[in-house]
PDB file of N, CA and C in Angstrom:
ATOM      1  N   MET A   1     -39.303-107.416  90.335  1.00  0.00           N
ATOM      2  CA  MET A   1     -39.266-107.159  91.746  1.00  0.00           C
ATOM      3  C   MET A   1     -40.353-108.000  92.417  1.00  0.00           C
ATOM      4  N   LYS A   2     -39.987-108.588  93.531  1.00  0.00           N
ATOM      5  CA  LYS A   2     -40.927-109.375  94.309  1.00  0.00           C
ATOM      6  C   LYS A   2     -41.882-108.456  95.051  1.00  0.00           C
ATOM      7  N   THR A   3     -43.125-108.870  95.178  1.00  0.00           N
ATOM      8  CA  THR A   3     -44.082-108.075  95.945  1.00  0.00           C
ATOM      9  C   THR A   3     -44.302-108.711  97.302  1.00  0.00           C
ATOM     10  N   ALA A   4     -44.772-107.905  98.223  1.00  0.00           N
ATOM     11  CA  ALA A   4     -45.106-108.382  99.562  1.00  0.00           C
ATOM     12  C   ALA A   4     -46.527-107.933  99.866  1.00  0.00           C
ATOM     13  N   SER A   5     -47.090-108.470 100.916  1.00  0.00           N
ATOM     14  CA  SER A   5     -48.462-108.116 101.300  1.00  0.00           C
ATOM     15  C   SER A   5     -48.457-107.422 102.642  1.00  0.00           C
ATOM     16  N   LEU A   6     -49.367-106.489 102.784  1.00  0.00           N
ATOM     17  CA  LEU A   6     -49.602-105.899 104.097  1.00  0.00           C
ATOM     18  C   LEU A   6     -50.426-106.897 104.895  1.00  0.00           C
ATOM     19  N   PRO A   7     -50.286-106.875 106.202  1.00  0.00           N
ATOM     20  CA  PRO A   7     -51.062-107.823 107.009  1.00  0.00           C
ATOM     21  C   PRO A   7     -52.557-107.511 106.962  1.00  0.00           C
ATOM     22  N   SER A   8     -53.354-108.534 107.133  1.00  0.00           N
ATOM     23  CA  SER A   8     -54.799-108.354 107.240  1.00  0.00           C
ATOM     24  C   SER A   8     -55.104-107.592 108.518  1.00  0.00           C
ATOM     25  N   VAL A   9     -56.102-106.766 108.449  1.00  0.00           N
ATOM     26  CA  VAL A   9     -56.486-105.979 109.613  1.00  0.00           C
ATOM     27  C   VAL A   9     -57.951-106.268 109.918  1.00  0.00           C
ATOM     28  N   PRO A  10     -58.216-106.919 111.037  1.00  0.00           N
ATOM     29  CA  PRO A  10     -59.606-107.182 111.388  1.00  0.00           C
ATOM     30  C   PRO A  10     -60.308-105.873 111.744  1.00  0.00           C
ATOM     31  N   VAL A  11     -61.501-105.680 111.204  1.00  0.00           N
ATOM     32  CA  VAL A  11     -62.291-104.483 111.513  1.00  0.00           C
ATOM     33  C   VAL A  11     -63.734-104.900 111.747  1.00  0.00           C
ATOM     34  N   GLU A  12     -64.459-104.046 112.390  1.00  0.00           N
ATOM     35  CA  GLU A  12     -65.883-104.284 112.618  1.00  0.00           C
ATOM     36  C   GLU A  12     -66.606-104.246 111.274  1.00  0.00           C
ATOM     37  N   PRO A  13     -67.629-105.060 111.104  1.00  0.00           N
ATOM     38  CA  PRO A  13     -68.384-105.067 109.846  1.00  0.00           C
ATOM     39  C   PRO A  13     -68.930-103.682 109.475  1.00  0.00           C
ATOM     40  N   GLU A  14     -69.329-102.910 110.480  1.00  0.00           N
ATOM     41  CA  GLU A  14     -69.850-101.569 110.213  1.00  0.00           C
ATOM     42  C   GLU A  14     -68.781-100.674 109.583  1.00  0.00           C
ATOM     43  N   PHE A  15     -67.544-100.795 110.075  1.00  0.00           N
ATOM     44  CA  PHE A  15     -66.466 -99.975 109.528  1.00  0.00           C
ATOM     45  C   PHE A  15     -66.138-100.407 108.098  1.00  0.00           C
ATOM     46  N   LEU A  16     -66.121-101.703 107.857  1.00  0.00           N
ATOM     47  CA  LEU A  16     -65.887-102.197 106.497  1.00  0.00           C
ATOM     48  C   LEU A  16     -66.958-101.665 105.548  1.00  0.00           C
ATOM     49  N   ALA A  17     -68.193-101.654 106.003  1.00  0.00           N
ATOM     50  CA  ALA A  17     -69.273-101.115 105.175  1.00  0.00           C
ATOM     51  C   ALA A  17     -69.061 -99.628 104.909  1.00  0.00           C
ATOM     52  N   GLU A  18     -68.567 -98.903 105.901  1.00  0.00           N
ATOM     53  CA  GLU A  18     -68.282 -97.474 105.721  1.00  0.00           C
ATOM     54  C   GLU A  18     -67.162 -97.275 104.698  1.00  0.00           C
ATOM     55  N   VAL A  19     -66.117 -98.093 104.802  1.00  0.00           N
ATOM     56  CA  VAL A  19     -65.017 -98.022 103.826  1.00  0.00           C
ATOM     57  C   VAL A  19     -65.558 -98.297 102.429  1.00  0.00           C
ATOM     58  N   GLU A  20     -66.319 -99.354 102.301  1.00  0.00           N
ATOM     59  CA  GLU A  20     -66.860 -99.712 100.982  1.00  0.00           C
ATOM     60  C   GLU A  20     -67.768 -98.616 100.426  1.00  0.00           C
ATOM     61  N   SER A  21     -68.419 -97.876 101.302  1.00  0.00           N
ATOM     62  CA  SER A  21     -69.341 -96.825 100.844  1.00  0.00           C
ATOM     63  C   SER A  21     -68.616 -95.625 100.238  1.00  0.00           C
ATOM     64  N   VAL A  22     -67.325 -95.489 100.504  1.00  0.00           N
ATOM     65  CA  VAL A  22     -66.588 -94.336  99.978  1.00  0.00           C
ATOM     66  C   VAL A  22     -65.650 -94.703  98.827  1.00  0.00           C
ATOM     67  N   LEU A  23     -65.666 -95.938  98.424  1.00  0.00           N
ATOM     68  CA  LEU A  23     -64.791 -96.358  97.328  1.00  0.00           C
ATOM     69  C   LEU A  23     -65.211 -95.698  96.021  1.00  0.00           C
ATOM     70  N   ALA A  24     -64.212 -95.341  95.214  1.00  0.00           N
ATOM     71  CA  ALA A  24     -64.497 -94.822  93.878  1.00  0.00           C
ATOM     72  C   ALA A  24     -64.971 -95.981  93.007  1.00  0.00           C
ATOM     73  N   GLU A  25     -65.616 -95.646  91.906  1.00  0.00           N
ATOM     74  CA  GLU A  25     -66.103 -96.692  91.008  1.00  0.00           C
ATOM     75  C   GLU A  25     -64.924 -97.541  90.534  1.00  0.00           C
ATOM     76  N   GLY A  26     -65.048 -98.848  90.687  1.00  0.00           N
ATOM     77  CA  GLY A  26     -64.002 -99.773  90.261  1.00  0.00           C
ATOM     78  C   GLY A  26     -62.851 -99.914  91.244  1.00  0.00           C
ATOM     79  N   GLU A  27     -62.878 -99.172  92.346  1.00  0.00           N
ATOM     80  CA  GLU A  27     -61.801 -99.246  93.343  1.00  0.00           C
ATOM     81  C   GLU A  27     -62.079-100.391  94.307  1.00  0.00           C
ATOM     82  N   SER A  28     -61.045-101.129  94.655  1.00  0.00           N
ATOM     83  CA  SER A  28     -61.194-102.215  95.624  1.00  0.00           C
ATOM     84  C   SER A  28     -60.780-101.729  97.013  1.00  0.00           C
ATOM     85  N   VAL A  29     -61.204-102.482  98.014  1.00  0.00           N
ATOM     86  CA  VAL A  29     -60.794-102.169  99.380  1.00  0.00           C
ATOM     87  C   VAL A  29     -59.274-102.253  99.477  1.00  0.00           C
ATOM     88  N   ALA A  30     -58.681-103.243  98.827  1.00  0.00           N
ATOM     89  CA  ALA A  30     -57.219-103.396  98.869  1.00  0.00           C
ATOM     90  C   ALA A  30     -56.531-102.168  98.279  1.00  0.00           C
ATOM     91  N   ALA A  31     -57.033-101.662  97.158  1.00  0.00           N
ATOM     92  CA  ALA A  31     -56.435-100.479  96.536  1.00  0.00           C
ATOM     93  C   ALA A  31     -56.601 -99.262  97.444  1.00  0.00           C
ATOM     94  N   PHE A  32     -57.775 -99.154  98.068  1.00  0.00           N
ATOM     95  CA  PHE A  32     -58.028 -98.052  98.993  1.00  0.00           C
ATOM     96  C   PHE A  32     -57.061 -98.115 100.174  1.00  0.00           C
ATOM     97  N   VAL A  33     -56.894 -99.308 100.746  1.00  0.00           N
ATOM     98  CA  VAL A  33     -55.996 -99.480 101.894  1.00  0.00           C
ATOM     99  C   VAL A  33     -54.563 -99.155 101.484  1.00  0.00           C
ATOM    100  N   GLU A  34     -54.139 -99.631 100.323  1.00  0.00           N
ATOM    101  CA  GLU A  34     -52.776 -99.333  99.867  1.00  0.00           C
ATOM    102  C   GLU A  34     -52.575 -97.830  99.708  1.00  0.00           C
ATOM    103  N   ALA A  35     -53.540 -97.138  99.105  1.00  0.00           N
ATOM    104  CA  ALA A  35     -53.423 -95.684  98.930  1.00  0.00           C
ATOM    105  C   ALA A  35     -53.369 -94.980 100.284  1.00  0.00           C
ATOM    106  N   ALA A  36     -54.186 -95.441 101.231  1.00  0.00           N
ATOM    107  CA  ALA A  36     -54.194 -94.831 102.558  1.00  0.00           C
ATOM    108  C   ALA A  36     -52.871 -95.041 103.272  1.00  0.00           C
ATOM    109  N   VAL A  37     -52.308 -96.235 103.163  1.00  0.00           N
ATOM    110  CA  VAL A  37     -51.027 -96.524 103.799  1.00  0.00           C
ATOM    111  C   VAL A  37     -49.929 -95.680 103.153  1.00  0.00           C
ATOM    112  N   ARG A  38     -49.933 -95.597 101.815  1.00  0.00           N
ATOM    113  CA  ARG A  38     -48.931 -94.769 101.126  1.00  0.00           C
ATOM    114  C   ARG A  38     -49.028 -93.304 101.565  1.00  0.00           C
ATOM    115  N   ALA A  39     -50.249 -92.794 101.663  1.00  0.00           N
ATOM    116  CA  ALA A  39     -50.437 -91.404 102.088  1.00  0.00           C
ATOM    117  C   ALA A  39     -49.946 -91.202 103.517  1.00  0.00           C
ATOM    118  N   SER A  40     -50.204 -92.160 104.381  1.00  0.00           N
ATOM    119  CA  SER A  40     -49.740 -92.073 105.770  1.00  0.00           C
ATOM    120  C   SER A  40     -48.221 -92.101 105.851  1.00  0.00           C
ATOM    121  N   VAL A  41     -47.610 -92.967 105.085  1.00  0.00           N
ATOM    122  CA  VAL A  41     -46.142 -93.054 105.068  1.00  0.00           C
ATOM    123  C   VAL A  41     -45.559 -91.717 104.599  1.00  0.00           C
ATOM    124  N   GLU A  42     -46.115 -91.155 103.528  1.00  0.00           N
ATOM    125  CA  GLU A  42     -45.631 -89.875 103.011  1.00  0.00           C
ATOM    126  C   GLU A  42     -45.816 -88.758 104.036  1.00  0.00           C
ATOM    127  N   ARG A  43     -46.981 -88.713 104.681  1.00  0.00           N
ATOM    128  CA  ARG A  43     -47.255 -87.690 105.694  1.00  0.00           C
ATOM    129  C   ARG A  43     -46.259 -87.796 106.846  1.00  0.00           C
ATOM    130  N   ARG A  44     -45.972 -89.002 107.284  1.00  0.00           N
ATOM    131  CA  ARG A  44     -45.009 -89.180 108.378  1.00  0.00           C
ATOM    132  C   ARG A  44     -43.593 -88.818 107.947  1.00  0.00           C
ATOM    133  N   ARG A  45     -43.239 -89.136 106.692  1.00  0.00           N
ATOM    134  CA  ARG A  45     -41.914 -88.770 106.191  1.00  0.00           C
ATOM    135  C   ARG A  45     -41.765 -87.253 106.158  1.00  0.00           C
ATOM    136  N   VAL A  46     -42.773 -86.570 105.628  1.00  0.00           N
ATOM    137  CA  VAL A  46     -42.742 -85.111 105.549  1.00  0.00           C
ATOM    138  C   VAL A  46     -42.690 -84.505 106.952  1.00  0.00           C
ATOM    139  N   GLN A  47     -43.474 -85.053 107.865  1.00  0.00           N
ATOM    140  CA  GLN A  47     -43.477 -84.548 109.236  1.00  0.00           C
ATOM    141  C   GLN A  47     -42.109 -84.741 109.883  1.00  0.00           C
ATOM    142  N   SER A  48     -41.506 -85.895 109.676  1.00  0.00           N
ATOM    143  CA  SER A  48     -40.190 -86.171 110.245  1.00  0.00           C
ATOM    144  C   SER A  48     -39.144 -85.208 109.691  1.00  0.00           C
ATOM    145  N   GLU A  49     -39.196 -84.953 108.381  1.00  0.00           N
ATOM    146  CA  GLU A  49     -38.260 -84.006 107.770  1.00  0.00           C
ATOM    147  C   GLU A  49     -38.488 -82.589 108.309  1.00  0.00           C
ATOM    148  N   PHE A  50     -39.759 -82.216 108.524  1.00  0.00           N
ATOM    149  CA  PHE A  50     -40.086 -80.902 109.067  1.00  0.00           C
ATOM    150  C   PHE A  50     -39.483 -80.742 110.463  1.00  0.00           C
ATOM    151  N   VAL A  51     -39.655 -81.751 111.306  1.00  0.00           N
ATOM    152  CA  VAL A  51     -39.113 -81.700 112.663  1.00  0.00           C
ATOM    153  C   VAL A  51     -37.587 -81.619 112.615  1.00  0.00           C
ATOM    154  N   ALA A  52     -36.967 -82.408 111.733  1.00  0.00           N
ATOM    155  CA  ALA A  52     -35.510 -82.386 111.616  1.00  0.00           C
ATOM    156  C   ALA A  52     -35.018 -80.996 111.202  1.00  0.00           C
ATOM    157  N   ARG A  53     -35.720 -80.361 110.235  1.00  0.00           N
ATOM    158  CA  ARG A  53     -35.328 -78.999 109.827  1.00  0.00           C
ATOM    159  C   ARG A  53     -35.470 -78.027 110.986  1.00  0.00           C
ATOM    160  N   GLY A  54     -36.550 -78.168 111.740  1.00  0.00           N
ATOM    161  CA  GLY A  54     -36.762 -77.290 112.889  1.00  0.00           C
ATOM    162  C   GLY A  54     -35.675 -77.448 113.938  1.00  0.00           C
ATOM    163  N   LEU A  55     -35.291 -78.680 114.197  1.00  0.00           N
ATOM    164  CA  LEU A  55     -34.227 -78.918 115.180  1.00  0.00           C
ATOM    165  C   LEU A  55     -32.889 -78.371 114.698  1.00  0.00           C
ATOM    166  N   ARG A  56     -32.606 -78.539 113.392  1.00  0.00           N
ATOM    167  CA  ARG A  56     -31.364 -77.961 112.849  1.00  0.00           C
ATOM    168  C   ARG A  56     -31.381 -76.443 112.945  1.00  0.00           C
ATOM    169  N   SER A  57     -32.524 -75.855 112.659  1.00  0.00           N
ATOM    170  CA  SER A  57     -32.659 -74.401 112.739  1.00  0.00           C
ATOM    171  C   SER A  57     -32.469 -73.925 114.180  1.00  0.00           C
ATOM    172  N   ARG A  58     -33.076 -74.634 115.103  1.00  0.00           N
ATOM    173  CA  ARG A  58     -32.909 -74.289 116.516  1.00  0.00           C
ATOM    174  C   ARG A  58     -31.447 -74.351 116.923  1.00  0.00           C
ATOM    175  N   ASP A  59     -30.773 -75.432 116.516  1.00  0.00           N
ATOM    176  CA  ASP A  59     -29.370 -75.598 116.870  1.00  0.00           C
ATOM    177  C   ASP A  59     -28.509 -74.504 116.258  1.00  0.00           C
ATOM    178  N   GLU A  60     -28.810 -74.136 115.011  1.00  0.00           N
ATOM    179  CA  GLU A  60     -28.060 -73.070 114.341  1.00  0.00           C
ATOM    180  C   GLU A  60     -28.296 -71.733 115.045  1.00  0.00           C
ATOM    181  N   ALA A  61     -29.534 -71.483 115.456  1.00  0.00           N
ATOM    182  CA  ALA A  61     -29.836 -70.242 116.170  1.00  0.00           C
ATOM    183  C   ALA A  61     -29.095 -70.199 117.506  1.00  0.00           C
ATOM    184  N   LYS A  62     -29.047 -71.319 118.202  1.00  0.00           N
ATOM    185  CA  LYS A  62     -28.301 -71.369 119.464  1.00  0.00           C
ATOM    186  C   LYS A  62     -26.816 -71.126 119.217  1.00  0.00           C
ATOM    187  N   ARG A  63     -26.298 -71.720 118.138  1.00  0.00           N
ATOM    188  CA  ARG A  63     -24.870 -71.601 117.833  1.00  0.00           C
ATOM    189  C   ARG A  63     -24.495 -70.164 117.483  1.00  0.00           C
ATOM    190  N   THR A  64     -25.328 -69.514 116.674  1.00  0.00           N
ATOM    191  CA  THR A  64     -25.002 -68.175 116.187  1.00  0.00           C
ATOM    192  C   THR A  64     -25.588 -67.058 117.036  1.00  0.00           C
ATOM    193  N   GLY A  65     -26.591 -67.381 117.845  1.00  0.00           N
ATOM    194  CA  GLY A  65     -27.277 -66.338 118.612  1.00  0.00           C
ATOM    195  C   GLY A  65     -28.200 -65.501 117.745  1.00  0.00           C
ATOM    196  N   ASP A  66     -28.436 -65.930 116.515  1.00  0.00           N
ATOM    197  CA  ASP A  66     -29.275 -65.199 115.563  1.00  0.00           C
ATOM    198  C   ASP A  66     -30.703 -65.723 115.649  1.00  0.00           C
ATOM    199  N   TYR A  67     -31.531 -65.027 116.404  1.00  0.00           N
ATOM    200  CA  TYR A  67     -32.924 -65.420 116.594  1.00  0.00           C
ATOM    201  C   TYR A  67     -33.841 -64.369 115.987  1.00  0.00           C
ATOM    202  N   VAL A  68     -35.035 -64.778 115.612  1.00  0.00           N
ATOM    203  CA  VAL A  68     -36.074 -63.837 115.203  1.00  0.00           C
ATOM    204  C   VAL A  68     -37.145 -63.893 116.276  1.00  0.00           C
ATOM    205  N   ASP A  69     -37.468 -62.732 116.809  1.00  0.00           N
ATOM    206  CA  ASP A  69     -38.457 -62.657 117.872  1.00  0.00           C
ATOM    207  C   ASP A  69     -39.804 -63.193 117.387  1.00  0.00           C
ATOM    208  N   ALA A  70     -40.429 -64.030 118.197  1.00  0.00           N
ATOM    209  CA  ALA A  70     -41.707 -64.643 117.813  1.00  0.00           C
ATOM    210  C   ALA A  70     -42.773 -63.590 117.517  1.00  0.00           C
ATOM    211  N   ASP A  71     -42.768 -62.483 118.262  1.00  0.00           N
ATOM    212  CA  ASP A  71     -43.753 -61.426 118.010  1.00  0.00           C
ATOM    213  C   ASP A  71     -43.583 -60.840 116.605  1.00  0.00           C
ATOM    214  N   ASN A  72     -42.340 -60.724 116.131  1.00  0.00           N
ATOM    215  CA  ASN A  72     -42.090 -60.215 114.777  1.00  0.00           C
ATOM    216  C   ASN A  72     -42.589 -61.206 113.724  1.00  0.00           C
ATOM    217  N   VAL A  73     -42.382 -62.485 113.969  1.00  0.00           N
ATOM    218  CA  VAL A  73     -42.849 -63.511 113.027  1.00  0.00           C
ATOM    219  C   VAL A  73     -44.370 -63.490 112.952  1.00  0.00           C
ATOM    220  N   VAL A  74     -45.019 -63.461 114.110  1.00  0.00           N
ATOM    221  CA  VAL A  74     -46.480 -63.456 114.142  1.00  0.00           C
ATOM    222  C   VAL A  74     -47.019 -62.187 113.481  1.00  0.00           C
ATOM    223  N   ALA A  75     -46.385 -61.048 113.722  1.00  0.00           N
ATOM    224  CA  ALA A  75     -46.835 -59.792 113.109  1.00  0.00           C
ATOM    225  C   ALA A  75     -46.699 -59.866 111.589  1.00  0.00           C
ATOM    226  N   GLY A  76     -45.604 -60.442 111.100  1.00  0.00           N
ATOM    227  CA  GLY A  76     -45.419 -60.588 109.657  1.00  0.00           C
ATOM    228  C   GLY A  76     -46.459 -61.504 109.043  1.00  0.00           C
ATOM    229  N   LEU A  77     -46.765 -62.593 109.715  1.00  0.00           N
ATOM    230  CA  LEU A  77     -47.800 -63.509 109.229  1.00  0.00           C
ATOM    231  C   LEU A  77     -49.169 -62.838 109.249  1.00  0.00           C
ATOM    232  N   GLN A  78     -49.436 -62.048 110.288  1.00  0.00           N
ATOM    233  CA  GLN A  78     -50.712 -61.328 110.373  1.00  0.00           C
ATOM    234  C   GLN A  78     -50.845 -60.337 109.226  1.00  0.00           C
ATOM    235  N   ASP A  79     -49.750 -59.646 108.895  1.00  0.00           N
ATOM    236  CA  ASP A  79     -49.765 -58.714 107.764  1.00  0.00           C
ATOM    237  C   ASP A  79     -50.106 -59.443 106.468  1.00  0.00           C
ATOM    238  N   LYS A  80     -49.498 -60.597 106.259  1.00  0.00           N
ATOM    239  CA  LYS A  80     -49.784 -61.386 105.052  1.00  0.00           C
ATOM    240  C   LYS A  80     -51.249 -61.816 105.010  1.00  0.00           C
ATOM    241  N   LEU A  81     -51.760 -62.236 106.151  1.00  0.00           N
ATOM    242  CA  LEU A  81     -53.152 -62.660 106.227  1.00  0.00           C
ATOM    243  C   LEU A  81     -54.088 -61.487 105.948  1.00  0.00           C
ATOM    244  N   ASP A  82     -53.782 -60.335 106.531  1.00  0.00           N
ATOM    245  CA  ASP A  82     -54.607 -59.144 106.297  1.00  0.00           C
ATOM    246  C   ASP A  82     -54.600 -58.758 104.820  1.00  0.00           C
ATOM    247  N   ASP A  83     -53.417 -58.785 104.193  1.00  0.00           N
ATOM    248  CA  ASP A  83     -53.311 -58.465 102.766  1.00  0.00           C
ATOM    249  C   ASP A  83     -54.140 -59.433 101.922  1.00  0.00           C
ATOM    250  N   ALA A  84     -54.059 -60.708 102.249  1.00  0.00           N
ATOM    251  CA  ALA A  84     -54.809 -61.715 101.488  1.00  0.00           C
ATOM    252  C   ALA A  84     -56.315 -61.496 101.656  1.00  0.00           C
ATOM    253  N   ARG A  85     -56.743 -61.164 102.837  1.00  0.00           N
ATOM    254  CA  ARG A  85     -58.175 -60.913 103.067  1.00  0.00           C
ATOM    255  C   ARG A  85     -58.657 -59.715 102.256  1.00  0.00           C
ATOM    256  N   VAL A  86     -57.826 -58.675 102.193  1.00  0.00           N
ATOM    257  CA  VAL A  86     -58.195 -57.498 101.398  1.00  0.00           C
ATOM    258  C   VAL A  86     -58.296 -57.887  99.926  1.00  0.00           C
ATOM    259  N   ARG A  87     -57.307 -58.622  99.427  1.00  0.00           N
ATOM    260  CA  ARG A  87     -57.325 -59.047  98.020  1.00  0.00           C
ATOM    261  C   ARG A  87     -58.555 -59.891  97.716  1.00  0.00           C
ATOM    262  N   LEU A  88     -58.897 -60.799  98.611  1.00  0.00           N
ATOM    263  CA  LEU A  88     -60.035 -61.690  98.373  1.00  0.00           C
ATOM    264  C   LEU A  88     -61.379 -60.992  98.515  1.00  0.00           C
ATOM    265  N   SER A  89     -61.415 -59.888  99.232  1.00  0.00           N
ATOM    266  CA  SER A  89     -62.694 -59.191  99.416  1.00  0.00           C
ATOM    267  C   SER A  89     -63.035 -58.299  98.231  1.00  0.00           C
ATOM    268  N   LYS A  90     -62.052 -58.012  97.379  1.00  0.00           N
ATOM    269  CA  LYS A  90     -62.302 -57.181  96.203  1.00  0.00           C
ATOM    270  C   LYS A  90     -62.890 -58.034  95.086  1.00  0.00           C
ATOM    271  N   PRO A  91     -63.854 -57.486  94.332  1.00  0.00           N
ATOM    272  CA  PRO A  91     -64.411 -58.243  93.201  1.00  0.00           C
ATOM    273  C   PRO A  91     -63.336 -58.426  92.136  1.00  0.00           C
ATOM    274  N   PRO A  92     -63.391 -59.535  91.398  1.00  0.00           N
ATOM    275  CA  PRO A  92     -62.381 -59.774  90.356  1.00  0.00           C
ATOM    276  C   PRO A  92     -62.479 -58.716  89.266  1.00  0.00           C
ATOM    277  N   ARG A  93     -61.317 -58.341  88.737  1.00  0.00           N
ATOM    278  CA  ARG A  93     -61.282 -57.383  87.641  1.00  0.00           C
ATOM    279  C   ARG A  93     -61.663 -58.088  86.355  1.00  0.00           C
ATOM    280  N   THR A  94     -62.457 -57.407  85.533  1.00  0.00           N
ATOM    281  CA  THR A  94     -62.855 -57.991  84.246  1.00  0.00           C
ATOM    282  C   THR A  94     -62.039 -57.340  83.154  1.00  0.00           C
ATOM    283  N   ARG A  95     -61.707 -58.138  82.147  1.00  0.00           N
ATOM    284  CA  ARG A  95     -60.954 -57.636  81.005  1.00  0.00           C
ATOM    285  C   ARG A  95     -61.914 -57.143  79.932  1.00  0.00           C
ATOM    286  N   LYS A  96     -61.497 -56.135  79.239  1.00  0.00           N
ATOM    287  CA  LYS A  96     -62.330 -55.595  78.145  1.00  0.00           C
ATOM    288  C   LYS A  96     -61.699 -55.881  76.827  1.00  0.00           C
TER     289      LYS A  96
END
């Protein structure tokens, strides 16, 4: 497979120094940039799919008239959060 290059991106010397300061041992700026671009592409793909699912759900709710009241959703999420807080506030059980 043929490879291609991403375009060069001019940056201020201070920013380049900041990038270089966070590189892992043996990591190059090019590898860092490639990883960042890949992560951005994935994040945008996931976000786009999320929006598409939301729009389909909205359309289905309009079509069927089957809606869940926002107050019920928020109350259910609050219950889950409260339960998790209670679980996390208890000391871990030890095995004998």
